[in-house]
Amino acid sequence: MAGYMALIWDDEAAWAAASEQDVQRAMQAHREFCARYAQALRGGSRLYTSDTATSIRHDRGGVTVTDGVFAETKEHIGGYYLFEAADLDEALVIAKAVPCPYGWLELRPVMPAGEY
């Protein structure tokens, strides 16, 4: 089994404009996803909006901490799921089931600790 991280990129303006009914429908879809793939899931959560982010950068001068996200963009990471799958094909089946009505999904394999 290999680990995979599904990063959910959201359009925050679309979420802000969504009706309460649409938000509840999306949250229900996430609950159903979690129930369906409970055996594979190892973690996941919704994130607060990007205006709550803090960026930390390491460079030759030390460490710089600033309010906000690293880059200006329309879409921001709105949540994630961490799960295990036998291979990429199985990971894609799971990832395609992740609800993301106001954005898209980025799937990446997780590098095991100690591997470089």
PDB file of N, CA and C in Angstrom:
ATOM      1  N   MET A   1       0.848  -1.187   0.000  1.00  0.00           N
ATOM      2  CA  MET A   1       0.000   0.000   0.000  1.00  0.00           C
ATOM      3  C   MET A   1       0.888   1.243   0.000  1.00  0.00           C
ATOM      4  N   ALA A   2       0.432   2.240  -0.707  1.00  0.00           N
ATOM      5  CA  ALA A   2       1.141   3.517  -0.772  1.00  0.00           C
ATOM      6  C   ALA A   2       0.226   4.623  -0.272  1.00  0.00           C
ATOM      7  N   GLY A   3       0.838   5.667   0.253  1.00  0.00           N
ATOM      8  CA  GLY A   3       0.069   6.811   0.716  1.00  0.00           C
ATOM      9  C   GLY A   3      -0.118   7.835  -0.385  1.00  0.00           C
ATOM     10  N   TYR A   4      -1.275   8.490  -0.377  1.00  0.00           N
ATOM     11  CA  TYR A   4      -1.580   9.543  -1.339  1.00  0.00           C
ATOM     12  C   TYR A   4      -2.218  10.719  -0.612  1.00  0.00           C
ATOM     13  N   MET A   5      -1.903  11.923  -1.081  1.00  0.00           N
ATOM     14  CA  MET A   5      -2.504  13.136  -0.556  1.00  0.00           C
ATOM     15  C   MET A   5      -3.335  13.756  -1.665  1.00  0.00           C
ATOM     16  N   ALA A   6      -4.593  13.985  -1.365  1.00  0.00           N
ATOM     17  CA  ALA A   6      -5.494  14.663  -2.287  1.00  0.00           C
ATOM     18  C   ALA A   6      -5.689  16.079  -1.759  1.00  0.00           C
ATOM     19  N   LEU A   7      -5.163  17.057  -2.481  1.00  0.00           N
ATOM     20  CA  LEU A   7      -5.301  18.464  -2.111  1.00  0.00           C
ATOM     21  C   LEU A   7      -6.488  19.043  -2.872  1.00  0.00           C
ATOM     22  N   ILE A   8      -7.418  19.621  -2.148  1.00  0.00           N
ATOM     23  CA  ILE A   8      -8.619  20.186  -2.763  1.00  0.00           C
ATOM     24  C   ILE A   8      -8.406  21.687  -2.953  1.00  0.00           C
ATOM     25  N   TRP A   9      -8.318  22.104  -4.195  1.00  0.00           N
ATOM     26  CA  TRP A   9      -8.157  23.518  -4.526  1.00  0.00           C
ATOM     27  C   TRP A   9      -9.541  24.103  -4.767  1.00  0.00           C
ATOM     28  N   ASP A  10      -9.872  25.147  -4.028  1.00  0.00           N
ATOM     29  CA  ASP A  10     -11.202  25.750  -4.097  1.00  0.00           C
ATOM     30  C   ASP A  10     -11.150  27.197  -4.555  1.00  0.00           C
ATOM     31  N   ASP A  11     -12.213  27.621  -5.199  1.00  0.00           N
ATOM     32  CA  ASP A  11     -12.454  29.032  -5.510  1.00  0.00           C
ATOM     33  C   ASP A  11     -13.228  29.584  -4.312  1.00  0.00           C
ATOM     34  N   GLU A  12     -12.537  30.332  -3.442  1.00  0.00           N
ATOM     35  CA  GLU A  12     -13.163  30.813  -2.216  1.00  0.00           C
ATOM     36  C   GLU A  12     -14.337  31.758  -2.489  1.00  0.00           C
ATOM     37  N   ALA A  13     -14.266  32.520  -3.562  1.00  0.00           N
ATOM     38  CA  ALA A  13     -15.370  33.421  -3.903  1.00  0.00           C
ATOM     39  C   ALA A  13     -16.623  32.624  -4.251  1.00  0.00           C
ATOM     40  N   ALA A  14     -16.455  31.497  -4.930  1.00  0.00           N
ATOM     41  CA  ALA A  14     -17.605  30.651  -5.267  1.00  0.00           C
ATOM     42  C   ALA A  14     -18.229  30.073  -4.007  1.00  0.00           C
ATOM     43  N   TRP A  15     -17.403  29.643  -3.055  1.00  0.00           N
ATOM     44  CA  TRP A  15     -17.938  29.142  -1.786  1.00  0.00           C
ATOM     45  C   TRP A  15     -18.688  30.239  -1.046  1.00  0.00           C
ATOM     46  N   ALA A  16     -18.128  31.457  -1.035  1.00  0.00           N
ATOM     47  CA  ALA A  16     -18.764  32.572  -0.328  1.00  0.00           C
ATOM     48  C   ALA A  16     -20.111  32.921  -0.945  1.00  0.00           C
ATOM     49  N   ALA A  17     -20.237  32.733  -2.247  1.00  0.00           N
ATOM     50  CA  ALA A  17     -21.477  33.059  -2.949  1.00  0.00           C
ATOM     51  C   ALA A  17     -22.481  31.903  -2.961  1.00  0.00           C
ATOM     52  N   ALA A  18     -22.065  30.738  -2.527  1.00  0.00           N
ATOM     53  CA  ALA A  18     -22.932  29.552  -2.563  1.00  0.00           C
ATOM     54  C   ALA A  18     -24.079  29.696  -1.567  1.00  0.00           C
ATOM     55  N   SER A  19     -25.203  29.132  -1.939  1.00  0.00           N
ATOM     56  CA  SER A  19     -26.355  29.139  -1.032  1.00  0.00           C
ATOM     57  C   SER A  19     -26.084  28.176   0.125  1.00  0.00           C
ATOM     58  N   GLU A  20     -26.787  28.372   1.220  1.00  0.00           N
ATOM     59  CA  GLU A  20     -26.663  27.463   2.360  1.00  0.00           C
ATOM     60  C   GLU A  20     -27.005  26.036   1.941  1.00  0.00           C
ATOM     61  N   GLN A  21     -28.000  25.898   1.082  1.00  0.00           N
ATOM     62  CA  GLN A  21     -28.392  24.573   0.599  1.00  0.00           C
ATOM     63  C   GLN A  21     -27.247  23.920  -0.184  1.00  0.00           C
ATOM     64  N   ASP A  22     -26.563  24.694  -1.034  1.00  0.00           N
ATOM     65  CA  ASP A  22     -25.443  24.144  -1.796  1.00  0.00           C
ATOM     66  C   ASP A  22     -24.280  23.750  -0.884  1.00  0.00           C
ATOM     67  N   VAL A  23     -24.010  24.561   0.142  1.00  0.00           N
ATOM     68  CA  VAL A  23     -22.950  24.237   1.094  1.00  0.00           C
ATOM     69  C   VAL A  23     -23.291  22.945   1.834  1.00  0.00           C
ATOM     70  N   GLN A  24     -24.530  22.829   2.295  1.00  0.00           N
ATOM     71  CA  GLN A  24     -24.940  21.624   3.013  1.00  0.00           C
ATOM     72  C   GLN A  24     -24.876  20.390   2.115  1.00  0.00           C
ATOM     73  N   ARG A  25     -25.233  20.556   0.853  1.00  0.00           N
ATOM     74  CA  ARG A  25     -25.163  19.440  -0.102  1.00  0.00           C
ATOM     75  C   ARG A  25     -23.700  19.000  -0.280  1.00  0.00           C
ATOM     76  N   ALA A  26     -22.796  19.956  -0.358  1.00  0.00           N
ATOM     77  CA  ALA A  26     -21.375  19.629  -0.503  1.00  0.00           C
ATOM     78  C   ALA A  26     -20.842  18.930   0.751  1.00  0.00           C
ATOM     79  N   MET A  27     -21.233  19.421   1.921  1.00  0.00           N
ATOM     80  CA  MET A  27     -20.775  18.790   3.166  1.00  0.00           C
ATOM     81  C   MET A  27     -21.318  17.364   3.288  1.00  0.00           C
ATOM     82  N   GLN A  28     -22.540  17.156   2.861  1.00  0.00           N
ATOM     83  CA  GLN A  28     -23.117  15.806   2.860  1.00  0.00           C
ATOM     84  C   GLN A  28     -22.341  14.902   1.907  1.00  0.00           C
ATOM     85  N   ALA A  29     -21.954  15.430   0.766  1.00  0.00           N
ATOM     86  CA  ALA A  29     -21.164  14.644  -0.183  1.00  0.00           C
ATOM     87  C   ALA A  29     -19.831  14.231   0.440  1.00  0.00           C
ATOM     88  N   HIS A  30     -19.220  15.112   1.234  1.00  0.00           N
ATOM     89  CA  HIS A  30     -17.969  14.762   1.913  1.00  0.00           C
ATOM     90  C   HIS A  30     -18.207  13.690   2.977  1.00  0.00           C
ATOM     91  N   ARG A  31     -19.303  13.799   3.725  1.00  0.00           N
ATOM     92  CA  ARG A  31     -19.612  12.771   4.720  1.00  0.00           C
ATOM     93  C   ARG A  31     -19.800  11.411   4.045  1.00  0.00           C
ATOM     94  N   GLU A  32     -20.483  11.394   2.911  1.00  0.00           N
ATOM     95  CA  GLU A  32     -20.700  10.154   2.177  1.00  0.00           C
ATOM     96  C   GLU A  32     -19.384   9.604   1.624  1.00  0.00           C
ATOM     97  N   PHE A  33     -18.520  10.494   1.127  1.00  0.00           N
ATOM     98  CA  PHE A  33     -17.204  10.063   0.654  1.00  0.00           C
ATOM     99  C   PHE A  33     -16.420   9.402   1.788  1.00  0.00           C
ATOM    100  N   CYS A  34     -16.408  10.054   2.960  1.00  0.00           N
ATOM    101  CA  CYS A  34     -15.681   9.516   4.120  1.00  0.00           C
ATOM    102  C   CYS A  34     -16.221   8.157   4.545  1.00  0.00           C
ATOM    103  N   ALA A  35     -17.524   7.995   4.513  1.00  0.00           N
ATOM    104  CA  ALA A  35     -18.120   6.712   4.883  1.00  0.00           C
ATOM    105  C   ALA A  35     -17.755   5.634   3.862  1.00  0.00           C
ATOM    106  N   ARG A  36     -17.791   5.983   2.588  1.00  0.00           N
ATOM    107  CA  ARG A  36     -17.524   5.008   1.532  1.00  0.00           C
ATOM    108  C   ARG A  36     -16.066   4.542   1.532  1.00  0.00           C
ATOM    109  N   TYR A  37     -15.135   5.458   1.822  1.00  0.00           N
ATOM    110  CA  TYR A  37     -13.709   5.134   1.751  1.00  0.00           C
ATOM    111  C   TYR A  37     -13.040   5.127   3.130  1.00  0.00           C
ATOM    112  N   ALA A  38     -13.800   4.861   4.177  1.00  0.00           N
ATOM    113  CA  ALA A  38     -13.286   4.896   5.551  1.00  0.00           C
ATOM    114  C   ALA A  38     -12.070   3.988   5.743  1.00  0.00           C
ATOM    115  N   GLN A  39     -12.065   2.820   5.096  1.00  0.00           N
ATOM    116  CA  GLN A  39     -10.952   1.880   5.270  1.00  0.00           C
ATOM    117  C   GLN A  39      -9.640   2.429   4.716  1.00  0.00           C
ATOM    118  N   ALA A  40      -9.706   3.264   3.691  1.00  0.00           N
ATOM    119  CA  ALA A  40      -8.497   3.795   3.063  1.00  0.00           C
ATOM    120  C   ALA A  40      -8.045   5.116   3.685  1.00  0.00           C
ATOM    121  N   LEU A  41      -8.971   5.882   4.236  1.00  0.00           N
ATOM    122  CA  LEU A  41      -8.645   7.214   4.750  1.00  0.00           C
ATOM    123  C   LEU A  41      -7.758   7.157   5.984  1.00  0.00           C
ATOM    124  N   ARG A  42      -6.770   8.024   6.005  1.00  0.00           N
ATOM    125  CA  ARG A  42      -5.868   8.151   7.154  1.00  0.00           C
ATOM    126  C   ARG A  42      -5.961   9.538   7.774  1.00  0.00           C
ATOM    127  N   GLY A  43      -6.671  10.430   7.140  1.00  0.00           N
ATOM    128  CA  GLY A  43      -6.842  11.782   7.668  1.00  0.00           C
ATOM    129  C   GLY A  43      -7.443  12.684   6.618  1.00  0.00           C
ATOM    130  N   GLY A  44      -7.835  13.837   7.050  1.00  0.00           N
ATOM    131  CA  GLY A  44      -8.381  14.815   6.135  1.00  0.00           C
ATOM    132  C   GLY A  44      -9.148  15.865   6.902  1.00  0.00           C
ATOM    133  N   SER A  45      -9.259  17.034   6.306  1.00  0.00           N
ATOM    134  CA  SER A  45      -9.988  18.101   6.970  1.00  0.00           C
ATOM    135  C   SER A  45     -10.215  19.258   6.015  1.00  0.00           C
ATOM    136  N   ARG A  46     -11.207  20.042   6.344  1.00  0.00           N
ATOM    137  CA  ARG A  46     -11.448  21.303   5.659  1.00  0.00           C
ATOM    138  C   ARG A  46     -10.536  22.332   6.312  1.00  0.00           C
ATOM    139  N   LEU A  47     -10.022  23.265   5.530  1.00  0.00           N
ATOM    140  CA  LEU A  47      -9.152  24.310   6.048  1.00  0.00           C
ATOM    141  C   LEU A  47      -9.893  25.641   6.105  1.00  0.00           C
ATOM    142  N   TYR A  48      -9.475  26.498   7.025  1.00  0.00           N
ATOM    143  CA  TYR A  48     -10.011  27.854   7.047  1.00  0.00           C
ATOM    144  C   TYR A  48      -9.559  28.570   5.779  1.00  0.00           C
ATOM    145  N   THR A  49     -10.214  29.667   5.449  1.00  0.00           N
ATOM    146  CA  THR A  49      -9.920  30.400   4.214  1.00  0.00           C
ATOM    147  C   THR A  49      -8.500  30.965   4.206  1.00  0.00           C
ATOM    148  N   SER A  50      -8.029  31.295   3.023  1.00  0.00           N
ATOM    149  CA  SER A  50      -6.641  31.712   2.833  1.00  0.00           C
ATOM    150  C   SER A  50      -6.281  32.994   3.579  1.00  0.00           C
ATOM    151  N   ASP A  51      -7.268  33.810   3.948  1.00  0.00           N
ATOM    152  CA  ASP A  51      -6.939  35.031   4.681  1.00  0.00           C
ATOM    153  C   ASP A  51      -6.478  34.735   6.107  1.00  0.00           C
ATOM    154  N   THR A  52      -6.570  33.498   6.545  1.00  0.00           N
ATOM    155  CA  THR A  52      -6.079  33.099   7.868  1.00  0.00           C
ATOM    156  C   THR A  52      -4.683  32.481   7.789  1.00  0.00           C
ATOM    157  N   ALA A  53      -4.137  32.364   6.587  1.00  0.00           N
ATOM    158  CA  ALA A  53      -2.850  31.691   6.391  1.00  0.00           C
ATOM    159  C   ALA A  53      -1.682  32.534   6.901  1.00  0.00           C
ATOM    160  N   THR A  54      -0.632  31.848   7.277  1.00  0.00           N
ATOM    161  CA  THR A  54       0.644  32.454   7.614  1.00  0.00           C
ATOM    162  C   THR A  54       1.709  31.746   6.788  1.00  0.00           C
ATOM    163  N   SER A  55       2.538  32.521   6.094  1.00  0.00           N
ATOM    164  CA  SER A  55       3.602  31.940   5.278  1.00  0.00           C
ATOM    165  C   SER A  55       4.924  32.031   6.020  1.00  0.00           C
ATOM    166  N   ILE A  56       5.680  30.953   5.996  1.00  0.00           N
ATOM    167  CA  ILE A  56       6.980  30.892   6.657  1.00  0.00           C
ATOM    168  C   ILE A  56       8.001  30.510   5.595  1.00  0.00           C
ATOM    169  N   ARG A  57       8.989  31.378   5.395  1.00  0.00           N
ATOM    170  CA  ARG A  57       9.990  31.145   4.355  1.00  0.00           C
ATOM    171  C   ARG A  57      11.377  31.069   4.983  1.00  0.00           C
ATOM    172  N   HIS A  58      12.122  30.041   4.606  1.00  0.00           N
ATOM    173  CA  HIS A  58      13.504  29.885   5.040  1.00  0.00           C
ATOM    174  C   HIS A  58      14.396  30.328   3.894  1.00  0.00           C
ATOM    175  N   ASP A  59      15.376  31.169   4.192  1.00  0.00           N
ATOM    176  CA  ASP A  59      16.347  31.570   3.180  1.00  0.00           C
ATOM    177  C   ASP A  59      17.690  31.806   3.865  1.00  0.00           C
ATOM    178  N   ARG A  60      18.649  32.301   3.132  1.00  0.00           N
ATOM    179  CA  ARG A  60      19.991  32.491   3.692  1.00  0.00           C
ATOM    180  C   ARG A  60      19.995  33.488   4.843  1.00  0.00           C
ATOM    181  N   GLY A  61      19.034  34.389   4.849  1.00  0.00           N
ATOM    182  CA  GLY A  61      18.967  35.394   5.906  1.00  0.00           C
ATOM    183  C   GLY A  61      18.251  34.922   7.152  1.00  0.00           C
ATOM    184  N   GLY A  62      17.709  33.718   7.127  1.00  0.00           N
ATOM    185  CA  GLY A  62      16.991  33.184   8.278  1.00  0.00           C
ATOM    186  C   GLY A  62      15.590  32.769   7.914  1.00  0.00           C
ATOM    187  N   VAL A  63      14.664  33.124   8.780  1.00  0.00           N
ATOM    188  CA  VAL A  63      13.267  32.741   8.590  1.00  0.00           C
ATOM    189  C   VAL A  63      12.409  33.999   8.579  1.00  0.00           C
ATOM    190  N   THR A  64      11.517  34.080   7.597  1.00  0.00           N
ATOM    191  CA  THR A  64      10.598  35.209   7.491  1.00  0.00           C
ATOM    192  C   THR A  64       9.178  34.684   7.648  1.00  0.00           C
ATOM    193  N   VAL A  65       8.417  35.333   8.521  1.00  0.00           N
ATOM    194  CA  VAL A  65       7.023  34.969   8.755  1.00  0.00           C
ATOM    195  C   VAL A  65       6.157  36.141   8.303  1.00  0.00           C
ATOM    196  N   THR A  66       5.184  35.864   7.412  1.00  0.00           N
ATOM    197  CA  THR A  66       4.288  36.912   6.925  1.00  0.00           C
ATOM    198  C   THR A  66       2.847  36.411   6.964  1.00  0.00           C
ATOM    199  N   ASP A  67       1.932  37.360   7.095  1.00  0.00           N
ATOM    200  CA  ASP A  67       0.518  37.024   7.025  1.00  0.00           C
ATOM    201  C   ASP A  67       0.143  36.725   5.583  1.00  0.00           C
ATOM    202  N   GLY A  68      -0.742  35.776   5.399  1.00  0.00           N
ATOM    203  CA  GLY A  68      -1.272  35.481   4.073  1.00  0.00           C
ATOM    204  C   GLY A  68      -0.602  34.305   3.399  1.00  0.00           C
ATOM    205  N   VAL A  69      -1.150  33.994   2.237  1.00  0.00           N
ATOM    206  CA  VAL A  69      -0.650  32.869   1.444  1.00  0.00           C
ATOM    207  C   VAL A  69       0.607  33.272   0.703  1.00  0.00           C
ATOM    208  N   PHE A  70       1.317  32.280   0.212  1.00  0.00           N
ATOM    209  CA  PHE A  70       2.584  32.507  -0.482  1.00  0.00           C
ATOM    210  C   PHE A  70       2.407  33.240  -1.803  1.00  0.00           C
ATOM    211  N   ALA A  71       1.365  32.908  -2.550  1.00  0.00           N
ATOM    212  CA  ALA A  71       1.176  33.488  -3.882  1.00  0.00           C
ATOM    213  C   ALA A  71      -0.261  33.959  -4.056  1.00  0.00           C
ATOM    214  N   GLU A  72      -0.428  34.990  -4.847  1.00  0.00           N
ATOM    215  CA  GLU A  72      -1.767  35.465  -5.183  1.00  0.00           C
ATOM    216  C   GLU A  72      -2.343  34.540  -6.245  1.00  0.00           C
ATOM    217  N   THR A  73      -3.495  33.985  -5.967  1.00  0.00           N
ATOM    218  CA  THR A  73      -4.135  33.069  -6.899  1.00  0.00           C
ATOM    219  C   THR A  73      -5.633  33.052  -6.639  1.00  0.00           C
ATOM    220  N   LYS A  74      -6.399  32.673  -7.624  1.00  0.00           N
ATOM    221  CA  LYS A  74      -7.853  32.597  -7.460  1.00  0.00           C
ATOM    222  C   LYS A  74      -8.248  31.404  -6.606  1.00  0.00           C
ATOM    223  N   GLU A  75      -7.538  30.297  -6.784  1.00  0.00           N
ATOM    224  CA  GLU A  75      -7.860  29.092  -6.039  1.00  0.00           C
ATOM    225  C   GLU A  75      -6.846  28.877  -4.923  1.00  0.00           C
ATOM    226  N   HIS A  76      -7.335  28.354  -3.806  1.00  0.00           N
ATOM    227  CA  HIS A  76      -6.502  28.085  -2.640  1.00  0.00           C
ATOM    228  C   HIS A  76      -6.804  26.682  -2.141  1.00  0.00           C
ATOM    229  N   ILE A  77      -5.857  26.108  -1.416  1.00  0.00           N
ATOM    230  CA  ILE A  77      -6.108  24.794  -0.844  1.00  0.00           C
ATOM    231  C   ILE A  77      -7.179  24.948   0.224  1.00  0.00           C
ATOM    232  N   GLY A  78      -8.296  24.275   0.015  1.00  0.00           N
ATOM    233  CA  GLY A  78      -9.431  24.382   0.922  1.00  0.00           C
ATOM    234  C   GLY A  78      -9.582  23.180   1.831  1.00  0.00           C
ATOM    235  N   GLY A  79      -8.842  22.122   1.540  1.00  0.00           N
ATOM    236  CA  GLY A  79      -8.920  20.921   2.353  1.00  0.00           C
ATOM    237  C   GLY A  79      -8.053  19.835   1.759  1.00  0.00           C
ATOM    238  N   TYR A  80      -8.054  18.703   2.427  1.00  0.00           N
ATOM    239  CA  TYR A  80      -7.213  17.604   1.962  1.00  0.00           C
ATOM    240  C   TYR A  80      -7.742  16.282   2.512  1.00  0.00           C
ATOM    241  N   TYR A  81      -7.341  15.223   1.854  1.00  0.00           N
ATOM    242  CA  TYR A  81      -7.529  13.860   2.352  1.00  0.00           C
ATOM    243  C   TYR A  81      -6.204  13.133   2.208  1.00  0.00           C
ATOM    244  N   LEU A  82      -5.862  12.364   3.197  1.00  0.00           N
ATOM    245  CA  LEU A  82      -4.709  11.479   3.156  1.00  0.00           C
ATOM    246  C   LEU A  82      -5.254  10.061   3.186  1.00  0.00           C
ATOM    247  N   PHE A  83      -4.829   9.249   2.224  1.00  0.00           N
ATOM    248  CA  PHE A  83      -5.357   7.885   2.165  1.00  0.00           C
ATOM    249  C   PHE A  83      -4.322   6.926   1.618  1.00  0.00           C
ATOM    250  N   GLU A  84      -4.608   5.648   1.761  1.00  0.00           N
ATOM    251  CA  GLU A  84      -3.755   4.599   1.227  1.00  0.00           C
ATOM    252  C   GLU A  84      -4.466   3.896   0.083  1.00  0.00           C
ATOM    253  N   ALA A  85      -3.680   3.471  -0.877  1.00  0.00           N
ATOM    254  CA  ALA A  85      -4.208   2.733  -2.022  1.00  0.00           C
ATOM    255  C   ALA A  85      -3.136   1.750  -2.492  1.00  0.00           C
ATOM    256  N   ALA A  86      -3.567   0.703  -3.147  1.00  0.00           N
ATOM    257  CA  ALA A  86      -2.646  -0.326  -3.624  1.00  0.00           C
ATOM    258  C   ALA A  86      -1.707   0.209  -4.700  1.00  0.00           C
ATOM    259  N   ASP A  87      -2.213   1.114  -5.537  1.00  0.00           N
ATOM    260  CA  ASP A  87      -1.424   1.664  -6.635  1.00  0.00           C
ATOM    261  C   ASP A  87      -2.116   2.924  -7.146  1.00  0.00           C
ATOM    262  N   LEU A  88      -1.532   3.549  -8.145  1.00  0.00           N
ATOM    263  CA  LEU A  88      -2.084   4.792  -8.677  1.00  0.00           C
ATOM    264  C   LEU A  88      -3.492   4.600  -9.230  1.00  0.00           C
ATOM    265  N   ASP A  89      -3.750   3.477  -9.869  1.00  0.00           N
ATOM    266  CA  ASP A  89      -5.088   3.245 -10.413  1.00  0.00           C
ATOM    267  C   ASP A  89      -6.145   3.268  -9.311  1.00  0.00           C
ATOM    268  N   GLU A  90      -5.873   2.600  -8.196  1.00  0.00           N
ATOM    269  CA  GLU A  90      -6.820   2.616  -7.082  1.00  0.00           C
ATOM    270  C   GLU A  90      -6.902   4.009  -6.469  1.00  0.00           C
ATOM    271  N   ALA A  91      -5.773   4.704  -6.378  1.00  0.00           N
ATOM    272  CA  ALA A  91      -5.773   6.070  -5.842  1.00  0.00           C
ATOM    273  C   ALA A  91      -6.627   6.993  -6.698  1.00  0.00           C
ATOM    274  N   LEU A  92      -6.580   6.814  -8.000  1.00  0.00           N
ATOM    275  CA  LEU A  92      -7.391   7.640  -8.898  1.00  0.00           C
ATOM    276  C   LEU A  92      -8.881   7.371  -8.721  1.00  0.00           C
ATOM    277  N   VAL A  93      -9.251   6.134  -8.479  1.00  0.00           N
ATOM    278  CA  VAL A  93     -10.653   5.809  -8.219  1.00  0.00           C
ATOM    279  C   VAL A  93     -11.138   6.576  -6.987  1.00  0.00           C
ATOM    280  N   ILE A  94     -10.337   6.549  -5.927  1.00  0.00           N
ATOM    281  CA  ILE A  94     -10.710   7.245  -4.695  1.00  0.00           C
ATOM    282  C   ILE A  94     -10.715   8.758  -4.926  1.00  0.00           C
ATOM    283  N   ALA A  95      -9.661   9.271  -5.537  1.00  0.00           N
ATOM    284  CA  ALA A  95      -9.539  10.718  -5.741  1.00  0.00           C
ATOM    285  C   ALA A  95     -10.667  11.280  -6.607  1.00  0.00           C
ATOM    286  N   LYS A  96     -11.078  10.532  -7.609  1.00  0.00           N
ATOM    287  CA  LYS A  96     -12.170  11.010  -8.465  1.00  0.00           C
ATOM    288  C   LYS A  96     -13.490  11.095  -7.727  1.00  0.00           C
ATOM    289  N   ALA A  97     -13.595  10.426  -6.588  1.00  0.00           N
ATOM    290  CA  ALA A  97     -14.825  10.463  -5.792  1.00  0.00           C
ATOM    291  C   ALA A  97     -14.841  11.613  -4.781  1.00  0.00           C
ATOM    292  N   VAL A  98     -13.714  12.311  -4.611  1.00  0.00           N
ATOM    293  CA  VAL A  98     -13.666  13.431  -3.667  1.00  0.00           C
ATOM    294  C   VAL A  98     -14.517  14.578  -4.198  1.00  0.00           C
ATOM    295  N   PRO A  99     -15.481  15.053  -3.406  1.00  0.00           N
ATOM    296  CA  PRO A  99     -16.302  16.179  -3.853  1.00  0.00           C
ATOM    297  C   PRO A  99     -15.470  17.474  -3.910  1.00  0.00           C
ATOM    298  N   CYS A 100     -15.524  18.179  -5.004  1.00  0.00           N
ATOM    299  CA  CYS A 100     -14.893  19.501  -5.106  1.00  0.00           C
ATOM    300  C   CYS A 100     -15.708  20.345  -6.090  1.00  0.00           C
ATOM    301  N   PRO A 101     -16.904  20.773  -5.648  1.00  0.00           N
ATOM    302  CA  PRO A 101     -17.817  21.468  -6.547  1.00  0.00           C
ATOM    303  C   PRO A 101     -17.354  22.858  -6.990  1.00  0.00           C
ATOM    304  N   TYR A 102     -16.429  23.479  -6.262  1.00  0.00           N
ATOM    305  CA  TYR A 102     -15.973  24.826  -6.608  1.00  0.00           C
ATOM    306  C   TYR A 102     -14.476  24.870  -6.844  1.00  0.00           C
ATOM    307  N   GLY A 103     -13.951  23.810  -7.412  1.00  0.00           N
ATOM    308  CA  GLY A 103     -12.522  23.787  -7.662  1.00  0.00           C
ATOM    309  C   GLY A 103     -12.082  22.507  -8.323  1.00  0.00           C
ATOM    310  N   TRP A 104     -10.930  22.046  -7.952  1.00  0.00           N
ATOM    311  CA  TRP A 104     -10.337  20.867  -8.557  1.00  0.00           C
ATOM    312  C   TRP A 104      -9.461  20.177  -7.535  1.00  0.00           C
ATOM    313  N   LEU A 105      -8.945  19.026  -7.912  1.00  0.00           N
ATOM    314  CA  LEU A 105      -8.175  18.195  -6.992  1.00  0.00           C
ATOM    315  C   LEU A 105      -6.788  17.938  -7.554  1.00  0.00           C
ATOM    316  N   GLU A 106      -5.810  17.967  -6.670  1.00  0.00           N
ATOM    317  CA  GLU A 106      -4.440  17.595  -7.021  1.00  0.00           C
ATOM    318  C   GLU A 106      -4.087  16.349  -6.213  1.00  0.00           C
ATOM    319  N   LEU A 107      -3.655  15.306  -6.875  1.00  0.00           N
ATOM    320  CA  LEU A 107      -3.312  14.045  -6.225  1.00  0.00           C
ATOM    321  C   LEU A 107      -1.801  13.847  -6.288  1.00  0.00           C
ATOM    322  N   ARG A 108      -1.203  13.547  -5.128  1.00  0.00           N
ATOM    323  CA  ARG A 108       0.233  13.279  -5.097  1.00  0.00           C
ATOM    324  C   ARG A 108       0.518  12.069  -4.217  1.00  0.00           C
ATOM    325  N   PRO A 109       1.502  11.250  -4.636  1.00  0.00           N
ATOM    326  CA  PRO A 109       1.931  10.178  -3.754  1.00  0.00           C
ATOM    327  C   PRO A 109       2.723  10.774  -2.591  1.00  0.00           C
ATOM    328  N   VAL A 110       2.598  10.154  -1.435  1.00  0.00           N
ATOM    329  CA  VAL A 110       3.331  10.593  -0.244  1.00  0.00           C
ATOM    330  C   VAL A 110       4.660   9.860  -0.208  1.00  0.00           C
ATOM    331  N   MET A 111       5.740  10.624  -0.029  1.00  0.00           N
ATOM    332  CA  MET A 111       7.075  10.020   0.042  1.00  0.00           C
ATOM    333  C   MET A 111       7.286   9.460   1.453  1.00  0.00           C
ATOM    334  N   PRO A 112       7.623   8.188   1.548  1.00  0.00           N
ATOM    335  CA  PRO A 112       7.853   7.597   2.867  1.00  0.00           C
ATOM    336  C   PRO A 112       9.000   8.306   3.605  1.00  0.00           C
ATOM    337  N   ALA A 113       8.897   8.388   4.930  1.00  0.00           N
ATOM    338  CA  ALA A 113       9.944   8.989   5.733  1.00  0.00           C
ATOM    339  C   ALA A 113      11.273   8.267   5.468  1.00  0.00           C
ATOM    340  N   GLY A 114      12.317   9.010   5.334  1.00  0.00           N
ATOM    341  CA  GLY A 114      13.632   8.419   5.094  1.00  0.00           C
ATOM    342  C   GLY A 114      13.979   8.258   3.620  1.00  0.00           C
ATOM    343  N   GLU A 115      13.013   8.421   2.747  1.00  0.00           N
ATOM    344  CA  GLU A 115      13.279   8.309   1.310  1.00  0.00           C
ATOM    345  C   GLU A 115      13.595   9.699   0.772  1.00  0.00           C
ATOM    346  N   TYR A 116      14.635   9.794  -0.026  1.00  0.00           N
ATOM    347  CA  TYR A 116      15.012  11.098  -0.590  1.00  0.00           C
ATOM    348  C   TYR A 116      15.171  11.032  -2.065  1.00  0.00           C
TER     349      TYR A 116
END
